[in-house]
Protein backbone atom coordinates (compact mmCIF):
# COMPACT_ATOMS: atom_id res chain seq x y z
CA MET A 1 82.66 133.16 18.95
CA HIS A 2 85.97 134.13 17.51
CA THR A 3 87.80 131.48 15.20
CA SER A 4 91.28 131.92 14.10
CA THR A 5 93.04 130.21 11.19
CA ASP A 6 96.65 131.87 11.39
CA TYR A 7 97.49 129.27 14.44
CA SER A 8 99.11 132.18 16.28
CA HIS A 9 98.73 130.15 19.64
CA ALA A 10 100.93 127.30 18.02
CA GLU A 11 103.20 130.01 16.48
CA LYS A 12 103.70 131.73 20.19
CA LEU A 13 104.16 128.15 21.59
CA LYS A 14 106.84 127.36 19.16
CA GLN A 15 108.92 130.10 20.16
CA GLU A 16 108.42 130.15 23.92
CA LEU A 17 109.88 126.49 23.51
CA THR A 18 113.32 127.90 21.85
CA GLN A 19 113.41 130.19 24.89
CA PRO A 20 115.05 129.58 28.52
CA LEU A 21 112.36 128.51 30.71
CA PHE A 22 111.92 129.33 34.44
CA ASN A 23 111.61 126.05 36.59
CA VAL A 24 109.57 127.00 39.87
CA MET A 25 110.60 124.60 42.08
CA LEU A 26 114.55 125.33 41.37
CA LYS A 27 113.92 128.78 41.06
CA LYS A 28 116.39 128.89 38.15
CA TRP A 29 116.28 129.50 34.51
CA VAL A 30 116.83 126.30 32.37
CA GLY A 31 118.13 126.37 28.94
CA LYS A 32 120.86 128.92 29.15
CA GLY A 33 123.31 126.34 29.44
CA GLU A 34 124.47 127.41 32.61
CA LEU A 35 123.25 124.64 35.16
CA ASP A 36 125.23 121.47 36.04
CA TYR A 37 122.75 119.04 34.12
CA GLU A 38 123.26 121.09 30.87
CA ARG A 39 126.97 121.67 31.05
CA TYR A 40 127.64 117.90 32.10
CA LEU A 41 125.53 116.80 29.11
CA HIS A 42 126.50 119.39 26.66
CA THR A 43 122.81 120.14 25.88
CA ASP A 44 123.38 123.35 24.33
CA THR A 45 125.62 121.59 21.68
CA LEU A 46 123.23 117.96 21.51
CA LEU A 47 120.04 120.38 20.70
CA SER A 48 121.52 122.17 18.24
CA LEU A 49 122.71 119.30 16.27
CA GLN A 50 119.36 118.92 14.27
CA SER A 51 118.30 121.29 11.18
CA PRO A 52 117.15 124.83 12.34
CA GLU A 53 113.34 125.12 12.10
CA GLY A 54 113.67 127.37 9.03
CA GLU A 55 115.72 125.14 7.09
CA ARG A 56 113.75 121.56 7.32
CA VAL A 57 112.22 120.43 4.09
CA SER A 58 109.48 118.68 5.85
CA HIS A 59 108.23 118.81 9.44
CA ASP A 60 108.91 115.01 9.54
CA GLU A 61 112.54 115.71 8.81
CA LEU A 62 113.31 116.68 12.74
CA MET A 63 111.89 113.15 13.79
CA PHE A 64 114.25 111.50 11.05
CA GLN A 65 117.17 113.08 12.16
CA ILE A 66 116.85 112.59 15.83
CA VAL A 67 115.75 109.01 15.49
CA HIS A 68 119.23 108.30 13.50
CA GLN A 69 121.36 110.39 15.54
CA SER A 70 120.17 108.67 18.78
CA GLN A 71 120.73 105.16 17.09
CA GLU A 72 124.18 105.95 16.05
CA LEU A 73 124.70 106.95 20.21
CA TYR A 74 123.23 103.65 21.17
CA LEU A 75 125.39 101.73 18.54
CA LYS A 76 128.57 103.56 19.87
CA LEU A 77 127.65 102.66 23.36
CA ALA A 78 127.11 98.70 22.25
CA SER A 79 130.46 98.85 20.67
CA ARG A 80 132.15 99.90 23.75
CA GLU A 81 130.43 97.67 25.78
CA MET A 82 131.23 94.84 23.59
CA VAL A 83 135.14 95.71 24.18
CA GLU A 84 134.48 95.28 27.65
CA VAL A 85 133.29 91.98 27.17
CA VAL A 86 136.30 91.11 25.34
CA ALA A 87 138.54 91.85 28.33
CA GLU A 88 136.14 90.21 30.70
CA MET A 89 135.82 86.89 28.34
CA ASP A 90 140.00 86.91 27.89
CA ARG A 91 140.08 86.66 31.96
CA ASP A 92 137.42 83.92 32.17
CA ALA A 93 135.37 86.39 34.30
CA LEU A 94 132.09 84.54 32.60
CA TRP A 95 129.50 85.97 35.07
CA ALA A 96 130.46 89.53 34.01
CA VAL A 97 130.40 88.60 30.41
CA VAL A 98 126.77 87.14 30.73
CA ALA A 99 126.03 90.45 32.56
CA ARG A 100 127.36 92.73 30.09
CA LEU A 101 126.20 90.85 27.02
CA ALA A 102 122.71 91.12 28.45
CA ARG A 103 123.26 94.87 28.15
CA VAL A 104 124.06 94.88 24.95
CA GLN A 105 121.09 92.82 24.02
CA LYS A 106 118.69 95.16 25.66
CA ILE A 107 120.50 98.32 23.92
CA ILE A 108 120.23 96.62 20.36
CA ALA A 109 116.62 95.55 21.36
CA GLY A 110 116.00 99.45 22.34
CA ILE A 111 117.26 100.84 18.79
CA SER A 112 115.10 98.19 17.16
CA ALA A 113 111.96 99.39 18.68
CA GLU A 114 112.76 102.82 17.90
CA MET A 115 112.45 102.01 14.15
CA ALA A 116 108.64 101.74 14.68
CA ILE A 117 108.68 105.56 15.39
CA LEU A 118 110.17 106.20 11.65
CA GLU A 119 106.97 103.99 10.60
CA THR A 120 104.73 106.87 11.70
CA MET A 121 106.00 108.73 8.60
CA THR A 122 104.08 108.33 5.38
CA PRO A 123 105.70 107.30 1.68
CA ALA A 124 104.98 110.92 0.85
CA GLU A 125 106.79 112.65 3.33
CA TYR A 126 109.66 110.45 3.20
CA GLN A 127 110.21 111.15 -0.46
CA VAL A 128 110.21 114.85 0.24
CA ILE A 129 113.11 114.39 2.63
CA ARG A 130 114.79 111.90 0.36
CA ARG A 131 115.62 114.45 -2.20
CA SER A 132 118.10 116.00 0.37
CA LEU A 133 120.10 113.04 1.64
CA GLY A 134 122.20 112.77 -1.19
CA ASN A 135 123.67 109.27 -1.91
CA GLY A 136 123.60 108.23 1.78
CA SER A 137 122.70 104.76 2.81
CA GLY A 138 123.04 102.82 6.13
CA GLN A 139 126.13 101.18 4.87
CA GLU A 140 127.59 104.70 5.52
CA SER A 141 126.57 104.56 9.22
CA PRO A 142 129.78 104.80 11.51
CA GLY A 143 127.57 103.01 14.28
CA TYR A 144 126.98 100.10 12.09
CA ASN A 145 130.50 99.48 10.79
CA THR A 146 131.58 100.26 14.59
CA LEU A 147 129.15 97.44 15.88
CA ARG A 148 130.55 94.89 13.49
CA HIS A 149 133.99 95.55 13.88
CA ALA A 150 133.58 94.96 17.66
CA ALA A 151 131.82 91.89 17.10
CA ASP A 152 134.53 90.56 14.99
CA GLY A 153 136.82 91.18 17.88
CA LEU A 154 134.15 89.47 20.28
CA GLU A 155 134.02 86.59 18.02
CA ALA A 156 137.78 85.96 18.23
CA ALA A 157 137.73 86.50 22.07
CA MET A 158 134.98 83.57 22.10
CA GLU A 159 137.77 81.34 19.95
CA ARG A 160 140.51 82.02 22.47
CA MET A 161 138.34 81.15 25.37
CA LEU A 162 137.31 77.74 23.48
CA ALA A 163 141.15 77.25 23.06
CA ARG A 164 142.08 77.67 26.86
CA ARG A 165 139.39 74.95 27.63
CA GLY A 166 140.55 72.79 24.63
CA LEU A 167 136.98 72.37 22.97
CA THR A 168 135.24 73.32 19.70
CA LEU A 169 131.39 74.63 19.82
CA PHE A 170 130.26 71.35 18.71
CA GLN A 171 131.50 69.74 22.00
CA VAL A 172 130.30 72.83 24.06
CA TYR A 173 126.76 72.28 22.82
CA SER A 174 126.74 68.19 22.76
CA ALA A 175 125.30 66.51 25.66
CA GLY A 176 127.62 66.60 28.55
CA GLY A 177 129.36 70.03 27.38
CA PRO A 178 130.25 72.64 29.87
CA LYS A 179 127.02 74.37 31.10
CA ASP A 180 128.94 77.82 31.65
CA LEU A 181 130.42 77.98 28.19
CA GLN A 182 126.96 77.06 26.49
CA HIS A 183 125.51 79.84 28.71
CA VAL A 184 127.82 82.58 27.18
CA CYS A 185 127.35 81.28 23.54
CA GLU A 186 123.60 81.32 24.02
CA GLN A 187 123.89 85.26 25.09
CA LEU A 188 126.01 85.66 22.22
CA VAL A 189 123.43 84.26 20.16
CA THR A 190 120.77 86.50 21.73
CA VAL A 191 122.64 89.26 21.03
CA ASP A 192 123.25 88.43 17.36
CA GLU A 193 119.34 87.72 17.17
CA SER A 194 118.49 90.91 18.52
CA PHE A 195 121.19 92.73 15.98
CA GLN A 196 119.41 90.99 12.88
CA GLY A 197 116.18 91.80 14.25
CA TRP A 198 116.95 95.61 14.15
CA LEU A 199 118.27 94.68 10.73
CA TYR A 200 114.77 93.48 9.89
CA ALA A 201 113.00 96.49 11.45
CA HIS A 202 115.09 98.33 8.94
CA TYR A 203 114.10 96.07 6.25
CA GLN A 204 110.37 96.62 6.70
CA LEU A 205 110.79 100.46 7.29
CA VAL A 206 112.19 100.50 3.70
CA ARG A 207 109.48 98.12 2.37
CA ARG A 208 106.77 100.41 3.99
CA THR A 209 108.44 103.90 2.25
CA ILE A 210 109.89 102.78 -0.89
CA GLY A 211 108.88 99.29 -1.30
CA ILE A 212 111.25 95.81 -1.98
CA ASP A 213 112.28 95.24 -5.58
CA ARG A 214 115.06 94.67 -8.01
CA THR A 215 113.79 98.07 -9.79
CA VAL A 216 113.79 99.99 -6.67
CA LYS A 217 117.25 101.57 -6.34
CA ALA A 218 118.66 102.69 -2.72
CA LEU A 219 120.26 106.09 -2.68
CA ASP A 220 123.58 104.39 -2.97
CA GLY A 221 122.43 102.73 -6.37
CA LEU A 222 122.09 99.01 -4.99
CA PRO A 223 118.17 97.46 -5.34
CA SER A 224 116.33 97.30 -2.49
CA GLN A 225 116.16 93.95 -2.79
CA VAL A 226 119.89 93.33 -1.30
CA LEU A 227 118.44 94.34 2.10
CA GLN A 228 116.74 90.59 2.29
CA ALA A 229 120.28 89.26 2.42
CA ARG A 230 121.73 91.48 4.83
CA MET A 231 119.14 91.24 7.23
CA THR A 232 120.09 87.58 8.20
CA LEU A 233 123.95 88.18 8.00
CA PRO A 234 124.91 87.25 11.39
CA LEU A 235 127.55 88.55 13.79
CA PHE A 236 128.97 85.10 14.86
CA ARG A 237 128.45 82.96 12.15
CA ALA A 238 130.04 79.92 13.79
CA LEU A 239 127.51 80.14 16.71
CA TRP A 240 124.66 79.41 13.78
CA ASP A 241 126.54 76.88 11.78
CA VAL A 242 127.03 74.78 14.79
CA ARG A 243 123.38 74.55 14.75
CA VAL A 244 123.37 72.52 11.23
CA GLU A 245 126.21 70.45 12.54
CA LEU A 246 124.28 69.16 15.37
CA THR A 247 121.15 68.48 13.29
CA ALA A 248 123.54 66.75 11.04
CA GLY A 249 124.07 64.08 13.73
CA TRP A 250 120.67 63.99 14.87
CA LYS A 251 118.83 60.72 14.44
CA ARG A 252 115.08 59.59 14.32
CA GLU A 253 115.43 56.51 16.53
CA GLY A 254 114.85 56.68 20.38
CA GLY A 255 111.82 58.77 20.56
CA TYR A 256 107.86 57.47 20.63
CA THR A 257 105.68 56.85 17.92
CA PRO A 258 102.73 59.33 17.74
CA GLY A 259 100.00 57.92 19.73
CA GLU A 260 102.18 55.29 21.28
CA SER A 261 101.70 54.77 25.25
CA ARG A 262 104.79 56.74 27.02
CA THR A 263 104.40 54.58 30.48
CA GLY A 264 107.06 56.11 32.45
CA GLY A 265 106.99 59.36 30.89
CA GLY A 266 110.09 61.63 29.48
CA CYS A 267 112.07 61.09 26.16
CA PRO A 268 114.75 57.76 26.23
CA MET A 269 117.13 60.23 24.51
CA ALA A 270 117.08 62.85 27.17
CA ALA A 271 117.38 60.41 29.83
CA ILE A 272 120.55 59.42 27.69
CA ASN A 273 121.86 62.81 27.84
CA ALA A 274 120.90 63.33 31.43
CA MET A 275 123.29 60.47 32.10
CA LYS A 276 126.17 61.89 30.37
CA ASP A 277 125.38 65.43 32.26
CA THR A 278 125.65 63.04 35.52
CA ALA A 279 128.99 61.47 34.67
CA VAL A 280 130.17 65.09 34.41
CA HIS A 281 128.92 66.48 37.31
CA ALA A 282 128.51 63.60 39.57
CA PRO A 283 131.86 64.15 41.89
CA VAL A 284 130.81 67.77 42.84
CA ALA A 285 127.22 66.18 43.60
CA GLN A 286 128.43 63.56 45.78
CA ALA A 287 130.67 65.86 47.71
CA GLN A 288 127.70 67.91 48.70
CA ALA A 289 125.74 64.99 49.44
CA VAL A 290 128.43 63.61 52.03
CA HIS A 291 128.60 67.13 53.86
CA ALA A 292 124.98 67.76 54.10
CA PRO A 293 124.35 66.02 57.07
CA VAL A 294 127.52 67.60 58.97
CA ALA A 295 126.25 71.01 57.99
CA GLN A 296 122.71 70.59 59.37
CA ALA A 297 123.95 69.24 62.80
CA ALA A 298 126.35 71.92 62.86
CA HIS A 299 123.74 74.78 62.55
CA ALA A 300 121.29 72.90 64.88
CA HIS A 301 124.20 72.99 67.47
CA VAL A 302 125.03 76.66 67.05
CA ALA A 303 121.15 77.47 67.35
CA ALA A 304 120.97 75.90 70.68
CA HIS A 305 124.41 77.21 72.39
CA ALA A 306 125.27 80.45 70.47
CA ALA A 307 125.23 83.36 72.62
CA PRO A 308 124.58 87.00 71.10
CA ALA A 309 127.02 89.88 71.43
CA HIS A 310 126.02 92.66 73.64
CA ALA A 311 124.51 95.78 71.92
CA HIS A 312 127.07 98.01 73.60
CA GLU A 313 130.18 95.50 73.10
CA ALA A 314 133.23 96.84 71.15
CA ARG A 315 133.52 95.21 67.75
CA THR A 316 136.93 95.48 66.75
CA GLY A 317 137.97 94.14 63.57
CA GLY A 318 134.45 94.47 62.30
CA GLY A 319 131.79 91.45 61.58
CA CYS A 320 129.77 88.96 63.72
CA PRO A 321 131.65 87.45 66.26
CA MET A 322 129.84 84.04 65.95
CA HIS A 323 130.10 83.92 62.05
CA ALA A 324 133.88 84.13 63.17
CA GLN A 325 133.51 81.14 65.42
CA HIS A 326 131.15 79.22 62.81
CA PRO A 327 133.97 77.40 60.83
CA ALA A 328 135.88 75.87 63.79
CA ALA A 329 133.56 75.49 66.92
CA ALA A 330 130.21 75.61 65.47
CA HIS A 331 130.31 72.84 62.67
CA ALA A 332 130.38 69.61 64.70
CA PRO A 333 129.59 66.17 63.48
CA VAL A 334 126.56 64.47 64.92
CA ALA A 335 129.03 62.23 66.97
CA HIS A 336 129.41 65.28 69.39
CA ALA A 337 125.64 65.17 70.59
CA PRO A 338 125.98 65.94 74.38
CA ALA A 339 126.74 63.17 76.55
CA ALA A 340 123.54 63.40 78.63
CA HIS A 341 121.88 61.96 75.88
CA ALA A 342 123.93 59.24 74.99
CA GLN A 343 123.09 55.32 74.90
CA PRO A 344 125.26 53.29 77.06
CA ALA A 345 128.18 52.27 74.78
CA PRO A 346 130.05 48.99 74.57
CA ALA A 347 132.92 48.45 76.95
CA SER A 348 135.40 48.95 74.43
CA HIS A 349 134.18 52.06 73.16
CA ALA A 350 133.64 53.51 76.71
CA PRO A 351 137.40 55.49 76.59
CA HIS A 352 136.42 57.06 73.27
CA ALA A 353 133.05 58.05 74.31
CA VAL A 354 135.02 60.28 77.40
CA ALA A 355 137.03 61.62 74.84
CA HIS A 356 134.16 62.72 72.40
CA ALA A 357 132.40 64.73 75.08
CA PRO A 358 131.27 67.76 73.89
CA ALA A 359 133.95 70.48 74.98
CA ALA A 360 131.42 73.27 75.06
CA HIS A 361 130.05 71.89 78.25
CA ALA A 362 133.28 70.82 79.96
CA GLN A 363 131.91 69.36 82.77
CA PRO A 364 134.14 67.69 85.41
CA ALA A 365 134.80 64.34 84.80
CA PRO A 366 134.81 61.64 87.69
CA ALA A 367 138.23 61.02 88.99
CA SER A 368 138.52 57.33 87.80
CA HIS A 369 137.86 58.79 84.09
CA ALA A 370 140.22 61.74 84.22
CA PRO A 371 143.20 59.67 83.04
CA HIS A 372 141.33 58.26 80.19
CA ALA A 373 139.98 61.56 79.08
CA ALA A 374 143.59 62.71 78.32
CA ALA A 375 145.27 59.24 77.27
CA HIS A 376 142.82 58.79 74.72
CA ALA A 377 142.76 62.29 73.31
CA PRO A 378 145.18 61.31 70.43
CA HIS A 379 143.06 58.48 69.66
CA ALA A 380 139.85 60.80 69.01
CA ALA A 381 142.02 62.73 66.79
CA ALA A 382 143.24 59.46 64.90
CA HIS A 383 139.74 58.27 64.59
CA ALA A 384 138.20 61.57 63.00
CA PRO A 385 136.99 61.11 59.71
CA HIS A 386 137.38 64.51 58.87
CA ALA A 387 140.74 65.81 58.70
CA PRO A 388 140.88 69.42 60.63
CA VAL A 389 141.28 72.25 57.83
CA ALA A 390 143.92 74.36 59.83
CA HIS A 391 141.18 75.45 62.33
CA ALA A 392 143.29 75.80 65.31
CA PRO A 393 143.26 79.50 65.95
CA HIS A 394 139.68 78.66 66.65
CA ALA A 395 139.97 76.32 68.90
CA PRO A 396 140.36 77.79 72.25
CA VAL A 397 137.10 79.23 72.21
CA ALA A 398 136.36 79.90 75.80
CA HIS A 399 133.55 77.73 76.31
CA ALA A 400 134.54 77.19 79.99
CA PRO A 401 132.09 80.07 81.75
CA HIS A 402 128.98 78.17 80.02
CA ALA A 403 126.86 77.04 82.89
CA PRO A 404 126.61 73.47 83.23
CA VAL A 405 123.72 71.92 81.18
CA ALA A 406 122.71 69.23 83.48
CA HIS A 407 125.44 66.44 82.17
CA ALA A 408 126.18 65.28 85.71
CA PRO A 409 124.73 61.70 85.35
CA HIS A 410 127.73 60.43 83.12
CA ALA A 411 126.79 56.75 84.66
CA PRO A 412 124.84 55.69 81.33
CA VAL A 413 128.12 55.88 79.47
CA ALA A 414 129.39 52.74 80.99
CA HIS A 415 132.87 53.54 81.83
CA ALA A 416 133.02 50.96 84.61
CA PRO A 417 134.90 48.29 82.95
CA HIS A 418 137.35 50.27 81.38
CA ALA A 419 138.35 47.16 79.03
CA PRO A 420 141.65 47.11 77.23
CA HIS A 421 141.45 49.63 74.46
CA ALA A 422 141.63 48.29 70.93
CA ALA A 423 142.80 51.63 69.48
CA ALA A 424 146.29 50.89 71.10
CA PRO A 425 147.90 50.27 67.77
CA HIS A 426 147.23 53.62 66.49
CA ALA A 427 149.95 55.96 66.80
CA PRO A 428 149.36 59.20 68.46
CA ALA A 429 148.25 61.72 65.85
CA PRO A 430 150.37 65.08 65.63
CA HIS A 431 148.90 67.93 67.53
CA GLY A 432 148.86 71.30 66.35
CA PRO A 433 146.92 73.38 63.67
CA HIS A 434 148.44 71.15 61.05
CA ALA A 435 147.64 67.80 62.07
CA ALA A 436 145.61 66.72 59.09
CA PRO A 437 147.43 63.75 57.68
CA HIS A 438 144.94 60.94 58.25
CA ALA A 439 142.21 61.80 55.93
CA PRO A 440 141.50 63.79 52.96
CA ALA A 441 140.17 67.29 54.09
CA PRO A 442 136.49 67.58 53.42
CA HIS A 443 135.49 70.49 51.15
CA GLY A 444 132.72 73.23 51.64
CA PRO A 445 132.18 75.41 54.55
CA HIS A 446 131.18 73.16 57.16
CA ALA A 447 134.19 71.10 56.71
CA HIS A 448 135.42 70.23 60.46
CA SER A 449 136.88 67.45 62.79
CA HIS A 450 136.60 65.89 66.18
CA ALA A 451 140.01 67.15 67.06
CA ALA A 452 139.23 71.16 67.41
CA HIS A 453 136.66 69.53 70.36
CA VAL A 454 139.31 67.58 72.09
CA SER A 455 141.79 70.54 72.18
CA ALA A 456 139.05 72.58 73.43
CA TYR A 457 138.15 69.90 76.06
CA ALA A 458 141.89 70.01 77.02
CA HIS A 459 142.09 73.57 77.16
CA ALA A 460 139.01 73.85 79.23
CA GLN A 461 140.68 71.35 81.88
CA GLU A 462 143.74 73.78 82.07
CA LEU A 463 141.79 76.48 82.71
CA ARG A 464 140.06 74.63 85.66
CA SER A 465 143.17 73.30 87.21
CA GLN A 466 144.70 76.98 87.38
CA SER A 467 141.62 78.14 89.15
């Protein structure tokens, strides 16, 4: 059995790794610096930035250099991302700010995890490498200094953002404070915490290799003990100080005594804070609650009567045709249910029942009722609780071609008495796309009024008379 102690196989492999290699899938030589990947990333330069094999004082020196070089690159990336955060924060693009800060945090968390690679180096191996480092220290790192400078600019941008809102950090973090700013500030704290975690990882590395003590001098002459204070030095001090300010105003009262019955559950102080939040956000919640039934009825109406577009139909202008009709003709209030299902209305309301008949079904009204449909159309617009929101372009949705939907028996609507109309004092509502002076315009994508249906009904009547 042949044995060898000259490591000839390892030496052979080492030499092979320094030469170009043939990629059998690409049928190309990789490592000559001629391929697009190599040219784009400058791999020939990048891979030559470490000390050559024959100049290394220790095998671990290659690891030591690569980890520190990669950290410089990632710190450069994090600093440039912070510049973009400053620009986004100055234009109040807070969604983009939060997303980019999440990236910065992951970059810093990555370099913190890389420190574990250096922890595989024994103290003896590092002492060998340390003799060739001169007076170098982490304080001389361009990446470290650049990141701190970029963080100063980011902190100034945060102060400008708060000034535009007329708020202090204490107000942002207090109960009822703006949630969007709270989220941005908490993202900044997360970035800062990751940064300090990286410094702590470095502190632990120094502790494992040369020790932490006032008698242990770093290469720059400072005791290694000073790293204890540096690793807790924050990027955004104000965000940490506000915690102290909030706690200073904290009171023990308002909670539960340990072992006390907590009937009803929940912290009383949390309920008080929730009331403050509700007072801030109530108007928005009320507006959404008011329009929810209208939106539900609208979607039900569209599901029942929407006609699909043909597969071969020309799609000029792009987009879904039904989506274009959605804001105007589809979002009808509950009051526009088909007349066939309506309950008999009082005599005084009969004219309005005719006026509110859905235009989508445009059934021929009895001759005795026809004048009332035209006469009371203005009253229908005047009574509309939801003012039109400039939906006039969508009014003529050409609903006449729809086949009758068994609405012929209009008898139950009790039109016979034709009592005097109590709505006579109402002035005729102005017609047209801008007839919206009678009620505040509802908010949201489903805002619509009765006026659009009245207009569509009149349009259908006109088409029928022409035909």
